[in-house]
Amino acid sequence: MYIREFSPNLTTKIRPALFEHSRIVLSLALNTLSSFLVSENVGIPTF
């Protein structure tokens, strides 16, 4: 949050937010993939 106050540059504001967003999306995709693989091994769909 402190980046917003100290830097008037728009890219320095957006870049950490995009990095955080992509990291969250990546972790969600990995969780979904791992749960899908586990459910495929067990034979019970978790969706």
PDB file of N, CA and C in Angstrom:
ATOM      1  N   MET A   1       0.819  -1.197   0.000  1.00  0.00           N
ATOM      2  CA  MET A   1       0.000   0.000   0.000  1.00  0.00           C
ATOM      3  C   MET A   1       0.862   1.260   0.000  1.00  0.00           C
ATOM      4  N   TYR A   2       2.068   1.159   0.564  1.00  0.00           N
ATOM      5  CA  TYR A   2       2.920   2.345   0.649  1.00  0.00           C
ATOM      6  C   TYR A   2       3.493   2.735  -0.706  1.00  0.00           C
ATOM      7  N   ILE A   3       3.482   1.797  -1.667  1.00  0.00           N
ATOM      8  CA  ILE A   3       3.984   2.112  -3.008  1.00  0.00           C
ATOM      9  C   ILE A   3       3.109   3.177  -3.651  1.00  0.00           C
ATOM     10  N   ARG A   4       1.819   3.123  -3.363  1.00  0.00           N
ATOM     11  CA  ARG A   4       0.875   4.049  -3.964  1.00  0.00           C
ATOM     12  C   ARG A   4       1.173   5.490  -3.547  1.00  0.00           C
ATOM     13  N   GLU A   5       1.627   5.677  -2.311  1.00  0.00           N
ATOM     14  CA  GLU A   5       1.845   7.029  -1.817  1.00  0.00           C
ATOM     15  C   GLU A   5       3.170   7.601  -2.301  1.00  0.00           C
ATOM     16  N   PHE A   6       4.184   6.764  -2.438  1.00  0.00           N
ATOM     17  CA  PHE A   6       5.515   7.281  -2.728  1.00  0.00           C
ATOM     18  C   PHE A   6       5.826   7.405  -4.214  1.00  0.00           C
ATOM     19  N   SER A   7       5.151   6.642  -5.052  1.00  0.00           N
ATOM     20  CA  SER A   7       5.488   6.677  -6.474  1.00  0.00           C
ATOM     21  C   SER A   7       4.313   7.166  -7.304  1.00  0.00           C
ATOM     22  N   PRO A   8       4.502   8.241  -8.060  1.00  0.00           N
ATOM     23  CA  PRO A   8       3.453   8.702  -8.957  1.00  0.00           C
ATOM     24  C   PRO A   8       3.399   7.895 -10.247  1.00  0.00           C
ATOM     25  N   ASN A   9       4.408   7.048 -10.453  1.00  0.00           N
ATOM     26  CA  ASN A   9       4.469   6.278 -11.692  1.00  0.00           C
ATOM     27  C   ASN A   9       3.406   5.187 -11.677  1.00  0.00           C
ATOM     28  N   LEU A  10       2.679   5.062 -12.779  1.00  0.00           N
ATOM     29  CA  LEU A  10       1.555   4.126 -12.830  1.00  0.00           C
ATOM     30  C   LEU A  10       2.031   2.675 -12.914  1.00  0.00           C
ATOM     31  N   THR A  11       3.137   2.447 -13.615  1.00  0.00           N
ATOM     32  CA  THR A  11       3.608   1.069 -13.790  1.00  0.00           C
ATOM     33  C   THR A  11       4.109   0.499 -12.474  1.00  0.00           C
ATOM     34  N   THR A  12       4.710   1.333 -11.629  1.00  0.00           N
ATOM     35  CA  THR A  12       5.175   0.823 -10.343  1.00  0.00           C
ATOM     36  C   THR A  12       4.005   0.544  -9.425  1.00  0.00           C
ATOM     37  N   LYS A  13       2.859   1.159  -9.704  1.00  0.00           N
ATOM     38  CA  LYS A  13       1.655   0.834  -8.938  1.00  0.00           C
ATOM     39  C   LYS A  13       1.052  -0.478  -9.427  1.00  0.00           C
ATOM     40  N   ILE A  14       1.005  -0.642 -10.749  1.00  0.00           N
ATOM     41  CA  ILE A  14       0.271  -1.770 -11.323  1.00  0.00           C
ATOM     42  C   ILE A  14       1.083  -3.064 -11.266  1.00  0.00           C
ATOM     43  N   ARG A  15       2.391  -2.954 -11.430  1.00  0.00           N
ATOM     44  CA  ARG A  15       3.204  -4.167 -11.545  1.00  0.00           C
ATOM     45  C   ARG A  15       3.133  -5.079 -10.319  1.00  0.00           C
ATOM     46  N   PRO A  16       3.235  -4.556  -9.087  1.00  0.00           N
ATOM     47  CA  PRO A  16       3.100  -5.460  -7.933  1.00  0.00           C
ATOM     48  C   PRO A  16       1.715  -6.075  -7.828  1.00  0.00           C
ATOM     49  N   ALA A  17       0.697  -5.319  -8.219  1.00  0.00           N
ATOM     50  CA  ALA A  17      -0.663  -5.853  -8.168  1.00  0.00           C
ATOM     51  C   ALA A  17      -0.831  -6.979  -9.186  1.00  0.00           C
ATOM     52  N   LEU A  18      -0.258  -6.798 -10.373  1.00  0.00           N
ATOM     53  CA  LEU A  18      -0.331  -7.846 -11.391  1.00  0.00           C
ATOM     54  C   LEU A  18       0.453  -9.077 -10.957  1.00  0.00           C
ATOM     55  N   PHE A  19       1.600  -8.846 -10.314  1.00  0.00           N
ATOM     56  CA  PHE A  19       2.407  -9.967  -9.844  1.00  0.00           C
ATOM     57  C   PHE A  19       1.662 -10.747  -8.770  1.00  0.00           C
ATOM     58  N   GLU A  20       1.041 -10.020  -7.848  1.00  0.00           N
ATOM     59  CA  GLU A  20       0.275 -10.676  -6.790  1.00  0.00           C
ATOM     60  C   GLU A  20      -0.916 -11.429  -7.366  1.00  0.00           C
ATOM     61  N   HIS A  21      -1.580 -10.809  -8.346  1.00  0.00           N
ATOM     62  CA  HIS A  21      -2.751 -11.436  -8.966  1.00  0.00           C
ATOM     63  C   HIS A  21      -2.353 -12.710  -9.704  1.00  0.00           C
ATOM     64  N   SER A  22      -1.252 -12.647 -10.461  1.00  0.00           N
ATOM     65  CA  SER A  22      -0.825 -13.827 -11.212  1.00  0.00           C
ATOM     66  C   SER A  22      -0.369 -14.935 -10.267  1.00  0.00           C
ATOM     67  N   ARG A  23       0.213 -14.532  -9.123  1.00  0.00           N
ATOM     68  CA  ARG A  23       0.647 -15.537  -8.161  1.00  0.00           C
ATOM     69  C   ARG A  23      -0.548 -16.239  -7.526  1.00  0.00           C
ATOM     70  N   ILE A  24      -1.599 -15.474  -7.238  1.00  0.00           N
ATOM     71  CA  ILE A  24      -2.818 -16.059  -6.670  1.00  0.00           C
ATOM     72  C   ILE A  24      -3.481 -16.988  -7.679  1.00  0.00           C
ATOM     73  N   VAL A  25      -3.546 -16.542  -8.944  1.00  0.00           N
ATOM     74  CA  VAL A  25      -4.157 -17.362  -9.992  1.00  0.00           C
ATOM     75  C   VAL A  25      -3.361 -18.647 -10.194  1.00  0.00           C
ATOM     76  N   LEU A  26      -2.021 -18.531 -10.138  1.00  0.00           N
ATOM     77  CA  LEU A  26      -1.183 -19.709 -10.326  1.00  0.00           C
ATOM     78  C   LEU A  26      -1.383 -20.711  -9.193  1.00  0.00           C
ATOM     79  N   SER A  27      -1.455 -20.214  -7.958  1.00  0.00           N
ATOM     80  CA  SER A  27      -1.655 -21.121  -6.829  1.00  0.00           C
ATOM     81  C   SER A  27      -3.035 -21.773  -6.879  1.00  0.00           C
ATOM     82  N   LEU A  28      -4.041 -21.001  -7.314  1.00  0.00           N
ATOM     83  CA  LEU A  28      -5.382 -21.570  -7.457  1.00  0.00           C
ATOM     84  C   LEU A  28      -5.406 -22.648  -8.532  1.00  0.00           C
ATOM     85  N   ALA A  29      -4.705 -22.396  -9.633  1.00  0.00           N
ATOM     86  CA  ALA A  29      -4.661 -23.379 -10.714  1.00  0.00           C
ATOM     87  C   ALA A  29      -3.939 -24.647 -10.257  1.00  0.00           C
ATOM     88  N   LEU A  30      -2.869 -24.486  -9.488  1.00  0.00           N
ATOM     89  CA  LEU A  30      -2.145 -25.648  -8.986  1.00  0.00           C
ATOM     90  C   LEU A  30      -2.990 -26.438  -7.996  1.00  0.00           C
ATOM     91  N   ASN A  31      -3.735 -25.735  -7.149  1.00  0.00           N
ATOM     92  CA  ASN A  31      -4.623 -26.423  -6.200  1.00  0.00           C
ATOM     93  C   ASN A  31      -5.710 -27.188  -6.931  1.00  0.00           C
ATOM     94  N   THR A  32      -6.286 -26.557  -7.960  1.00  0.00           N
ATOM     95  CA  THR A  32      -7.336 -27.215  -8.735  1.00  0.00           C
ATOM     96  C   THR A  32      -6.789 -28.435  -9.468  1.00  0.00           C
ATOM     97  N   LEU A  33      -5.589 -28.281 -10.033  1.00  0.00           N
ATOM     98  CA  LEU A  33      -4.988 -29.386 -10.774  1.00  0.00           C
ATOM     99  C   LEU A  33      -4.647 -30.546  -9.845  1.00  0.00           C
ATOM    100  N   SER A  34      -4.084 -30.238  -8.678  1.00  0.00           N
ATOM    101  CA  SER A  34      -3.714 -31.308  -7.749  1.00  0.00           C
ATOM    102  C   SER A  34      -4.946 -32.019  -7.204  1.00  0.00           C
ATOM    103  N   SER A  35      -6.002 -31.251  -6.905  1.00  0.00           N
ATOM    104  CA  SER A  35      -7.230 -31.884  -6.406  1.00  0.00           C
ATOM    105  C   SER A  35      -7.888 -32.717  -7.504  1.00  0.00           C
ATOM    106  N   PHE A  36      -7.768 -32.253  -8.758  1.00  0.00           N
ATOM    107  CA  PHE A  36      -8.318 -33.020  -9.868  1.00  0.00           C
ATOM    108  C   PHE A  36      -7.555 -34.328 -10.056  1.00  0.00           C
ATOM    109  N   LEU A  37      -6.220 -34.268  -9.936  1.00  0.00           N
ATOM    110  CA  LEU A  37      -5.417 -35.476 -10.074  1.00  0.00           C
ATOM    111  C   LEU A  37      -5.703 -36.452  -8.944  1.00  0.00           C
ATOM    112  N   VAL A  38      -5.863 -35.939  -7.736  1.00  0.00           N
ATOM    113  CA  VAL A  38      -6.172 -36.798  -6.594  1.00  0.00           C
ATOM    114  C   VAL A  38      -7.538 -37.442  -6.774  1.00  0.00           C
ATOM    115  N   SER A  39      -8.507 -36.659  -7.245  1.00  0.00           N
ATOM    116  CA  SER A  39      -9.851 -37.209  -7.442  1.00  0.00           C
ATOM    117  C   SER A  39      -9.860 -38.220  -8.588  1.00  0.00           C
ATOM    118  N   GLU A  40      -9.000 -38.012  -9.588  1.00  0.00           N
ATOM    119  CA  GLU A  40      -8.898 -38.979 -10.682  1.00  0.00           C
ATOM    120  C   GLU A  40      -8.292 -40.291 -10.184  1.00  0.00           C
ATOM    121  N   ASN A  41      -7.319 -40.198  -9.273  1.00  0.00           N
ATOM    122  CA  ASN A  41      -6.716 -41.405  -8.728  1.00  0.00           C
ATOM    123  C   ASN A  41      -7.694 -42.156  -7.840  1.00  0.00           C
ATOM    124  N   VAL A  42      -8.474 -41.421  -7.060  1.00  0.00           N
ATOM    125  CA  VAL A  42      -9.428 -42.054  -6.152  1.00  0.00           C
ATOM    126  C   VAL A  42     -10.661 -42.517  -6.919  1.00  0.00           C
ATOM    127  N   GLY A  43     -11.050 -41.734  -7.927  1.00  0.00           N
ATOM    128  CA  GLY A  43     -12.219 -42.090  -8.710  1.00  0.00           C
ATOM    129  C   GLY A  43     -13.453 -41.304  -8.317  1.00  0.00           C
ATOM    130  N   ILE A  44     -13.310 -40.366  -7.389  1.00  0.00           N
ATOM    131  CA  ILE A  44     -14.450 -39.563  -6.937  1.00  0.00           C
ATOM    132  C   ILE A  44     -14.220 -38.113  -7.356  1.00  0.00           C
ATOM    133  N   PRO A  45     -15.052 -37.550  -8.221  1.00  0.00           N
ATOM    134  CA  PRO A  45     -14.875 -36.156  -8.629  1.00  0.00           C
ATOM    135  C   PRO A  45     -15.172 -35.202  -7.476  1.00  0.00           C
ATOM    136  N   THR A  46     -14.326 -34.193  -7.327  1.00  0.00           N
ATOM    137  CA  THR A  46     -14.499 -33.241  -6.228  1.00  0.00           C
ATOM    138  C   THR A  46     -15.134 -31.951  -6.705  1.00  0.00           C
ATOM    139  N   PHE A  47     -15.508 -31.877  -7.987  1.00  0.00           N
ATOM    140  CA  PHE A  47     -16.077 -30.630  -8.501  1.00  0.00           C
ATOM    141  C   PHE A  47     -17.588 -30.628  -8.305  1.00  0.00           C
TER     142      PHE A  47
END
